[in-house]
Amino acid sequence: MQTEENALETALRKASTEPAERPEFYRVPLESTVFIIGASDQSAEGSTTLEAGSQVQIQNWQRPDGSPVFLFFSSLQALQRAIEGNET
């Protein structure tokens, strides 16, 4: 199922081919809704907007060299695709 790009996805696509678009790509995530896998000190099911000062534990992965990778996703659909693709 194809979905429309959101502003973050559009900025990434443009930045990947046009160096002049890269400063915009670094600004857009600060103003975008992103999705992470993790936990917070505010217990809730589903979508949550955290209060300022909330404690957050973001799940991370490791590269083969042991360096950490902190993933965030541009949409719920992108997160779901990543989880489904990683189940095997």
C-alpha atoms as a PDB file:
ATOM      1  CA  MET A   1       0.000   0.000   0.000  1.00  0.00           C
ATOM      2  CA  GLN A   2       1.550   3.312  -1.125  1.00  0.00           C
ATOM      3  CA  THR A   3       1.088   6.317   1.139  1.00  0.00           C
ATOM      4  CA  GLU A   4       1.790  10.001   0.583  1.00  0.00           C
ATOM      5  CA  GLU A   5       5.125  11.344   1.755  1.00  0.00           C
ATOM      6  CA  ASN A   6       5.110  13.478   4.854  1.00  0.00           C
ATOM      7  CA  ALA A   7       7.363  16.557   5.202  1.00  0.00           C
ATOM      8  CA  LEU A   8      10.183  14.555   6.792  1.00  0.00           C
ATOM      9  CA  GLU A   9      10.176  11.932   4.042  1.00  0.00           C
ATOM     10  CA  THR A  10      10.106  14.639   1.365  1.00  0.00           C
ATOM     11  CA  ALA A  11      13.045  16.450   2.982  1.00  0.00           C
ATOM     12  CA  LEU A  12      15.051  13.200   3.156  1.00  0.00           C
ATOM     13  CA  ARG A  13      14.362  12.362  -0.478  1.00  0.00           C
ATOM     14  CA  LYS A  14      15.399  15.832  -1.629  1.00  0.00           C
ATOM     15  CA  ALA A  15      18.505  15.915   0.589  1.00  0.00           C
ATOM     16  CA  SER A  16      19.680  12.568  -0.770  1.00  0.00           C
ATOM     17  CA  THR A  17      20.063  14.014  -4.277  1.00  0.00           C
ATOM     18  CA  GLU A  18      20.413  17.782  -3.801  1.00  0.00           C
ATOM     19  CA  PRO A  19      23.144  19.102  -1.448  1.00  0.00           C
ATOM     20  CA  ALA A  20      21.387  22.483  -1.252  1.00  0.00           C
ATOM     21  CA  GLU A  21      18.380  20.749   0.378  1.00  0.00           C
ATOM     22  CA  ARG A  22      20.403  19.213   3.235  1.00  0.00           C
ATOM     23  CA  PRO A  23      20.100  22.132   5.697  1.00  0.00           C
ATOM     24  CA  GLU A  24      16.306  21.813   5.403  1.00  0.00           C
ATOM     25  CA  PHE A  25      16.549  18.092   6.139  1.00  0.00           C
ATOM     26  CA  TYR A  26      18.307  18.831   9.444  1.00  0.00           C
ATOM     27  CA  ARG A  27      15.604  21.353  10.436  1.00  0.00           C
ATOM     28  CA  VAL A  28      12.512  19.325   9.530  1.00  0.00           C
ATOM     29  CA  PRO A  29      12.865  16.517  12.154  1.00  0.00           C
ATOM     30  CA  LEU A  30      12.759  19.111  14.917  1.00  0.00           C
ATOM     31  CA  GLU A  31       9.303  20.160  13.728  1.00  0.00           C
ATOM     32  CA  SER A  32       7.997  16.726  12.723  1.00  0.00           C
ATOM     33  CA  THR A  33       6.190  13.939  14.467  1.00  0.00           C
ATOM     34  CA  VAL A  34       8.512  10.972  14.731  1.00  0.00           C
ATOM     35  CA  PHE A  35       7.911   7.469  16.026  1.00  0.00           C
ATOM     36  CA  ILE A  36      10.265   5.528  18.283  1.00  0.00           C
ATOM     37  CA  ILE A  37      10.239   2.211  20.085  1.00  0.00           C
ATOM     38  CA  GLY A  38      10.754   2.735  23.768  1.00  0.00           C
ATOM     39  CA  ALA A  39       9.191   3.483  27.116  1.00  0.00           C
ATOM     40  CA  SER A  40       8.547   6.564  29.225  1.00  0.00           C
ATOM     41  CA  ASP A  41       7.679   7.407  32.787  1.00  0.00           C
ATOM     42  CA  GLN A  42       4.178   8.313  31.551  1.00  0.00           C
ATOM     43  CA  SER A  43       2.352   5.029  31.105  1.00  0.00           C
ATOM     44  CA  ALA A  44      -0.153   5.010  28.256  1.00  0.00           C
ATOM     45  CA  GLU A  45      -1.175   2.746  25.426  1.00  0.00           C
ATOM     46  CA  GLY A  46      -0.965   3.847  21.817  1.00  0.00           C
ATOM     47  CA  SER A  47       0.128   7.285  20.709  1.00  0.00           C
ATOM     48  CA  THR A  48       1.517   9.539  23.428  1.00  0.00           C
ATOM     49  CA  THR A  49       2.676  13.135  23.467  1.00  0.00           C
ATOM     50  CA  LEU A  50       5.194  13.458  26.265  1.00  0.00           C
ATOM     51  CA  GLU A  51       5.313  16.342  28.698  1.00  0.00           C
ATOM     52  CA  ALA A  52       8.481  18.425  28.902  1.00  0.00           C
ATOM     53  CA  GLY A  53      10.914  16.803  31.327  1.00  0.00           C
ATOM     54  CA  SER A  54       9.557  13.271  30.826  1.00  0.00           C
ATOM     55  CA  GLN A  55      12.040  10.443  31.150  1.00  0.00           C
ATOM     56  CA  VAL A  56      12.321   8.382  27.958  1.00  0.00           C
ATOM     57  CA  GLN A  57      14.141   5.125  27.300  1.00  0.00           C
ATOM     58  CA  ILE A  58      14.651   4.672  23.565  1.00  0.00           C
ATOM     59  CA  GLN A  59      15.302   1.159  22.376  1.00  0.00           C
ATOM     60  CA  ASN A  60      18.504   0.995  20.392  1.00  0.00           C
ATOM     61  CA  TRP A  61      20.319  -1.496  18.238  1.00  0.00           C
ATOM     62  CA  GLN A  62      24.010  -2.122  17.716  1.00  0.00           C
ATOM     63  CA  ARG A  63      25.986  -2.184  14.508  1.00  0.00           C
ATOM     64  CA  PRO A  64      28.370  -5.101  13.950  1.00  0.00           C
ATOM     65  CA  ASP A  65      31.201  -2.886  15.292  1.00  0.00           C
ATOM     66  CA  GLY A  66      29.266  -2.372  18.559  1.00  0.00           C
ATOM     67  CA  SER A  67      28.352   1.279  17.980  1.00  0.00           C
ATOM     68  CA  PRO A  68      24.778   2.197  18.946  1.00  0.00           C
ATOM     69  CA  VAL A  69      22.007   3.023  16.488  1.00  0.00           C
ATOM     70  CA  PHE A  70      19.010   5.032  17.692  1.00  0.00           C
ATOM     71  CA  LEU A  71      16.169   4.539  15.275  1.00  0.00           C
ATOM     72  CA  PHE A  72      13.276   6.849  14.666  1.00  0.00           C
ATOM     73  CA  PHE A  73      10.632   6.519  12.010  1.00  0.00           C
ATOM     74  CA  SER A  74       8.941   9.131   9.862  1.00  0.00           C
ATOM     75  CA  SER A  75       5.518   7.486  10.079  1.00  0.00           C
ATOM     76  CA  LEU A  76       3.693   4.702  11.867  1.00  0.00           C
ATOM     77  CA  GLN A  77       3.612   2.779   8.577  1.00  0.00           C
ATOM     78  CA  ALA A  78       7.426   3.008   8.292  1.00  0.00           C
ATOM     79  CA  LEU A  79       7.800   1.682  11.848  1.00  0.00           C
ATOM     80  CA  GLN A  80       5.397  -1.181  11.167  1.00  0.00           C
ATOM     81  CA  ARG A  81       7.262  -2.126   7.944  1.00  0.00           C
ATOM     82  CA  ALA A  82      10.566  -2.174   9.852  1.00  0.00           C
ATOM     83  CA  ILE A  83       9.139  -4.415  12.564  1.00  0.00           C
ATOM     84  CA  GLU A  84       7.503  -6.790  10.075  1.00  0.00           C
ATOM     85  CA  GLY A  85      10.710  -6.998   8.042  1.00  0.00           C
ATOM     86  CA  ASN A  86      12.748  -7.808  11.145  1.00  0.00           C
ATOM     87  CA  GLU A  87      10.592 -10.700  12.414  1.00  0.00           C
ATOM     88  CA  THR A  88      12.258 -13.440  10.399  1.00  0.00           C
END
